Amino acid sequence: MASWYNKVMEKTTVRIFPSLKKQVNIYTATNDLTLQYVLNEALRKYLQDQKKRSLVKKGSWVDSLDALDLGVEKYLLTRENLYKRDEDII
């Protein structure tokens, strides 16, 4: 183990269900990842999602739009484009 792990990360014990551990072991083996990496990423994503959900609940609905993934803009929403099919818009 690299020495920087001890300086940056904190060691802890986590109890997980055996079936979940088996799934994670399969996932890490097939994707050449470590259990540590998968758990850190899963926790980070979970906390980000919780933060987004709390923003949606607290602010006005307009403020919450920034917290949601609304995708990408396909084309300008003009009156002319509003009445066209997606295939007809260049």
N, C-alpha and C. Protein backbone atom coordinates (compact mmCIF):
# COMPACT_ATOMS: atom_id res chain seq x y z
N MET A 1 0.85 -1.18 0.00
CA MET A 1 0.00 0.00 0.00
C MET A 1 0.89 1.24 0.00
N ALA A 2 0.52 2.23 -0.77
CA ALA A 2 1.30 3.45 -0.86
C ALA A 2 1.20 4.24 0.44
N SER A 3 2.27 4.96 0.78
CA SER A 3 2.29 5.69 2.05
C SER A 3 1.33 6.88 2.06
N TRP A 4 0.96 7.40 0.89
CA TRP A 4 0.06 8.57 0.88
C TRP A 4 -1.35 8.20 1.31
N TYR A 5 -1.74 6.92 1.24
CA TYR A 5 -3.05 6.50 1.71
C TYR A 5 -3.23 6.84 3.19
N ASN A 6 -2.18 6.60 3.95
CA ASN A 6 -2.26 6.85 5.38
C ASN A 6 -2.42 8.33 5.70
N LYS A 7 -1.93 9.20 4.85
CA LYS A 7 -1.98 10.63 5.10
C LYS A 7 -3.29 11.26 4.64
N VAL A 8 -3.89 10.70 3.60
CA VAL A 8 -5.07 11.31 3.00
C VAL A 8 -6.36 10.63 3.44
N MET A 9 -6.36 9.32 3.53
CA MET A 9 -7.58 8.57 3.81
C MET A 9 -7.58 8.05 5.24
N GLU A 10 -8.77 7.91 5.76
CA GLU A 10 -8.95 7.39 7.10
C GLU A 10 -9.46 5.96 7.01
N LYS A 11 -8.95 5.11 7.87
CA LYS A 11 -9.35 3.71 7.87
C LYS A 11 -10.60 3.55 8.73
N THR A 12 -11.55 2.74 8.23
CA THR A 12 -12.78 2.48 8.97
C THR A 12 -13.26 1.07 8.68
N THR A 13 -14.22 0.61 9.46
CA THR A 13 -14.81 -0.71 9.26
C THR A 13 -16.25 -0.54 8.82
N VAL A 14 -16.63 -1.29 7.80
CA VAL A 14 -18.00 -1.22 7.27
C VAL A 14 -18.55 -2.63 7.23
N ARG A 15 -19.78 -2.78 7.67
CA ARG A 15 -20.45 -4.09 7.59
C ARG A 15 -21.45 -4.04 6.45
N ILE A 16 -21.35 -5.00 5.53
CA ILE A 16 -22.27 -5.06 4.40
C ILE A 16 -22.84 -6.46 4.29
N PHE A 17 -23.97 -6.57 3.62
CA PHE A 17 -24.61 -7.87 3.43
C PHE A 17 -23.72 -8.76 2.56
N PRO A 18 -23.69 -10.07 2.85
CA PRO A 18 -22.85 -10.99 2.06
C PRO A 18 -23.19 -10.97 0.56
N SER A 19 -24.48 -10.87 0.23
CA SER A 19 -24.85 -10.86 -1.19
C SER A 19 -24.33 -9.60 -1.88
N LEU A 20 -24.35 -8.47 -1.18
CA LEU A 20 -23.84 -7.23 -1.74
C LEU A 20 -22.33 -7.30 -1.89
N LYS A 21 -21.66 -7.87 -0.93
CA LYS A 21 -20.20 -8.03 -1.00
C LYS A 21 -19.81 -8.90 -2.18
N LYS A 22 -20.59 -9.95 -2.41
CA LYS A 22 -20.31 -10.84 -3.54
C LYS A 22 -20.46 -10.08 -4.87
N GLN A 23 -21.52 -9.28 -4.99
CA GLN A 23 -21.73 -8.49 -6.21
C GLN A 23 -20.60 -7.49 -6.42
N VAL A 24 -20.17 -6.84 -5.34
CA VAL A 24 -19.08 -5.87 -5.44
C VAL A 24 -17.78 -6.56 -5.83
N ASN A 25 -17.52 -7.72 -5.25
CA ASN A 25 -16.30 -8.45 -5.60
C ASN A 25 -16.28 -8.82 -7.08
N ILE A 26 -17.40 -9.26 -7.60
CA ILE A 26 -17.50 -9.59 -9.03
C ILE A 26 -17.27 -8.33 -9.87
N TYR A 27 -17.92 -7.24 -9.47
CA TYR A 27 -17.79 -5.98 -10.22
C TYR A 27 -16.34 -5.48 -10.23
N THR A 28 -15.70 -5.50 -9.06
CA THR A 28 -14.33 -5.00 -8.99
C THR A 28 -13.37 -5.89 -9.79
N ALA A 29 -13.61 -7.19 -9.77
CA ALA A 29 -12.73 -8.10 -10.51
C ALA A 29 -12.89 -7.93 -12.02
N THR A 30 -14.11 -7.78 -12.49
CA THR A 30 -14.33 -7.66 -13.93
C THR A 30 -13.94 -6.29 -14.48
N ASN A 31 -13.93 -5.27 -13.62
CA ASN A 31 -13.60 -3.92 -14.09
C ASN A 31 -12.22 -3.45 -13.63
N ASP A 32 -11.45 -4.36 -13.05
CA ASP A 32 -10.08 -4.07 -12.60
C ASP A 32 -10.05 -2.84 -11.68
N LEU A 33 -10.93 -2.85 -10.67
CA LEU A 33 -11.01 -1.77 -9.69
C LEU A 33 -10.80 -2.36 -8.30
N THR A 34 -10.55 -1.48 -7.35
CA THR A 34 -10.43 -1.93 -5.97
C THR A 34 -11.74 -1.68 -5.23
N LEU A 35 -11.95 -2.45 -4.18
CA LEU A 35 -13.13 -2.26 -3.34
C LEU A 35 -13.12 -0.85 -2.74
N GLN A 36 -11.97 -0.40 -2.36
CA GLN A 36 -11.83 0.95 -1.79
C GLN A 36 -12.30 2.02 -2.78
N TYR A 37 -11.90 1.90 -4.02
CA TYR A 37 -12.29 2.88 -5.04
C TYR A 37 -13.80 2.86 -5.26
N VAL A 38 -14.39 1.67 -5.38
CA VAL A 38 -15.82 1.55 -5.64
C VAL A 38 -16.63 2.12 -4.48
N LEU A 39 -16.24 1.81 -3.25
CA LEU A 39 -16.97 2.34 -2.09
C LEU A 39 -16.84 3.85 -1.98
N ASN A 40 -15.66 4.39 -2.23
CA ASN A 40 -15.48 5.85 -2.18
C ASN A 40 -16.34 6.54 -3.24
N GLU A 41 -16.34 6.01 -4.46
CA GLU A 41 -17.14 6.61 -5.52
C GLU A 41 -18.63 6.49 -5.23
N ALA A 42 -19.06 5.35 -4.70
CA ALA A 42 -20.47 5.16 -4.38
C ALA A 42 -20.93 6.14 -3.29
N LEU A 43 -20.11 6.31 -2.27
CA LEU A 43 -20.44 7.26 -1.20
C LEU A 43 -20.46 8.69 -1.72
N ARG A 44 -19.50 9.04 -2.56
CA ARG A 44 -19.44 10.39 -3.11
C ARG A 44 -20.68 10.68 -3.96
N LYS A 45 -21.07 9.72 -4.81
CA LYS A 45 -22.24 9.90 -5.66
C LYS A 45 -23.52 9.98 -4.82
N TYR A 46 -23.63 9.14 -3.81
CA TYR A 46 -24.81 9.16 -2.95
C TYR A 46 -24.96 10.52 -2.26
N LEU A 47 -23.86 11.04 -1.74
CA LEU A 47 -23.92 12.33 -1.05
C LEU A 47 -24.23 13.48 -2.01
N GLN A 48 -23.70 13.42 -3.23
CA GLN A 48 -24.04 14.43 -4.24
C GLN A 48 -25.52 14.39 -4.58
N ASP A 49 -26.08 13.19 -4.73
CA ASP A 49 -27.51 13.05 -5.04
C ASP A 49 -28.37 13.58 -3.89
N GLN A 50 -27.95 13.31 -2.66
CA GLN A 50 -28.70 13.81 -1.50
C GLN A 50 -28.67 15.33 -1.45
N LYS A 51 -27.54 15.91 -1.80
CA LYS A 51 -27.42 17.38 -1.83
C LYS A 51 -28.35 17.96 -2.89
N LYS A 52 -28.38 17.33 -4.07
CA LYS A 52 -29.26 17.81 -5.13
C LYS A 52 -30.72 17.73 -4.70
N ARG A 53 -31.09 16.64 -4.05
CA ARG A 53 -32.48 16.48 -3.59
C ARG A 53 -32.84 17.51 -2.54
N SER A 54 -31.91 17.84 -1.65
CA SER A 54 -32.21 18.83 -0.63
C SER A 54 -32.36 20.21 -1.24
N LEU A 55 -31.61 20.51 -2.29
CA LEU A 55 -31.76 21.79 -2.98
C LEU A 55 -33.13 21.90 -3.64
N VAL A 56 -33.61 20.80 -4.17
CA VAL A 56 -34.91 20.79 -4.82
C VAL A 56 -36.00 21.06 -3.78
N LYS A 57 -35.88 20.53 -2.59
CA LYS A 57 -36.90 20.69 -1.57
C LYS A 57 -36.90 22.09 -0.96
N LYS A 58 -35.71 22.70 -0.77
CA LYS A 58 -35.60 23.96 -0.03
C LYS A 58 -35.96 25.18 -0.87
N GLY A 59 -35.39 25.32 -2.04
CA GLY A 59 -35.54 26.52 -2.82
C GLY A 59 -36.80 26.52 -3.66
N SER A 60 -36.94 27.57 -4.43
CA SER A 60 -38.06 27.62 -5.37
C SER A 60 -37.79 26.63 -6.49
N TRP A 61 -38.81 26.34 -7.27
CA TRP A 61 -38.63 25.36 -8.33
C TRP A 61 -37.66 25.86 -9.39
N VAL A 62 -37.54 27.16 -9.56
CA VAL A 62 -36.60 27.70 -10.54
C VAL A 62 -35.16 27.48 -10.06
N ASP A 63 -34.92 27.69 -8.77
CA ASP A 63 -33.58 27.47 -8.23
C ASP A 63 -33.18 26.01 -8.31
N SER A 64 -34.15 25.12 -8.21
CA SER A 64 -33.83 23.70 -8.20
C SER A 64 -33.44 23.18 -9.58
N LEU A 65 -33.72 23.92 -10.63
CA LEU A 65 -33.37 23.45 -11.97
C LEU A 65 -31.87 23.31 -12.15
N ASP A 66 -31.09 24.15 -11.48
CA ASP A 66 -29.63 24.03 -11.57
C ASP A 66 -29.13 22.73 -10.98
N ALA A 67 -29.84 22.19 -10.00
CA ALA A 67 -29.41 20.96 -9.34
C ALA A 67 -29.78 19.71 -10.12
N LEU A 68 -30.66 19.82 -11.08
CA LEU A 68 -31.13 18.66 -11.82
C LEU A 68 -30.39 18.52 -13.14
N ASP A 69 -30.17 17.31 -13.55
CA ASP A 69 -29.57 17.05 -14.85
C ASP A 69 -30.68 17.07 -15.89
N LEU A 70 -30.74 18.13 -16.67
CA LEU A 70 -31.80 18.30 -17.64
C LEU A 70 -31.39 17.90 -19.06
N GLY A 71 -30.20 17.34 -19.19
CA GLY A 71 -29.75 16.92 -20.50
C GLY A 71 -29.11 18.06 -21.27
N VAL A 72 -29.02 17.89 -22.59
CA VAL A 72 -28.40 18.91 -23.43
C VAL A 72 -29.44 19.54 -24.33
N GLU A 73 -29.15 20.73 -24.77
CA GLU A 73 -30.05 21.45 -25.67
C GLU A 73 -29.92 20.86 -27.07
N LYS A 74 -31.03 20.44 -27.64
CA LYS A 74 -31.00 19.85 -28.98
C LYS A 74 -31.01 20.93 -30.06
N TYR A 75 -31.82 21.95 -29.86
CA TYR A 75 -31.92 23.05 -30.80
C TYR A 75 -32.63 24.20 -30.11
N LEU A 76 -32.59 25.37 -30.73
CA LEU A 76 -33.23 26.54 -30.15
C LEU A 76 -34.75 26.36 -30.12
N LEU A 77 -35.35 26.76 -29.04
CA LEU A 77 -36.79 26.64 -28.90
C LEU A 77 -37.44 27.95 -29.40
N THR A 78 -37.62 28.02 -30.69
CA THR A 78 -38.26 29.19 -31.29
C THR A 78 -39.69 28.80 -31.68
N ARG A 79 -40.51 29.80 -31.98
CA ARG A 79 -41.89 29.52 -32.38
C ARG A 79 -41.91 28.63 -33.62
N GLU A 80 -41.00 28.90 -34.53
CA GLU A 80 -40.93 28.11 -35.77
C GLU A 80 -40.57 26.65 -35.47
N ASN A 81 -39.59 26.43 -34.62
CA ASN A 81 -39.16 25.07 -34.28
C ASN A 81 -40.16 24.34 -33.40
N LEU A 82 -40.96 25.07 -32.69
CA LEU A 82 -41.92 24.47 -31.78
C LEU A 82 -42.93 23.59 -32.51
N TYR A 83 -43.27 23.95 -33.73
CA TYR A 83 -44.27 23.22 -34.49
C TYR A 83 -43.68 22.22 -35.47
N LYS A 84 -42.37 22.04 -35.46
CA LYS A 84 -41.72 21.08 -36.35
C LYS A 84 -41.43 19.78 -35.60
N ARG A 85 -41.24 18.72 -36.33
CA ARG A 85 -40.79 17.47 -35.75
C ARG A 85 -39.27 17.54 -35.59
N ASP A 86 -38.71 16.73 -34.70
CA ASP A 86 -37.27 16.72 -34.47
C ASP A 86 -36.50 16.43 -35.76
N GLU A 87 -37.05 15.56 -36.59
CA GLU A 87 -36.35 15.17 -37.81
C GLU A 87 -36.27 16.34 -38.82
N ASP A 88 -37.21 17.29 -38.74
CA ASP A 88 -37.24 18.39 -39.69
C ASP A 88 -36.34 19.55 -39.30
N ILE A 89 -35.85 19.55 -38.06
CA ILE A 89 -35.00 20.65 -37.60
C ILE A 89 -33.56 20.31 -37.85
N ILE A 90 -32.85 21.21 -38.48
CA ILE A 90 -31.43 20.97 -38.82
C ILE A 90 -30.56 21.60 -37.77
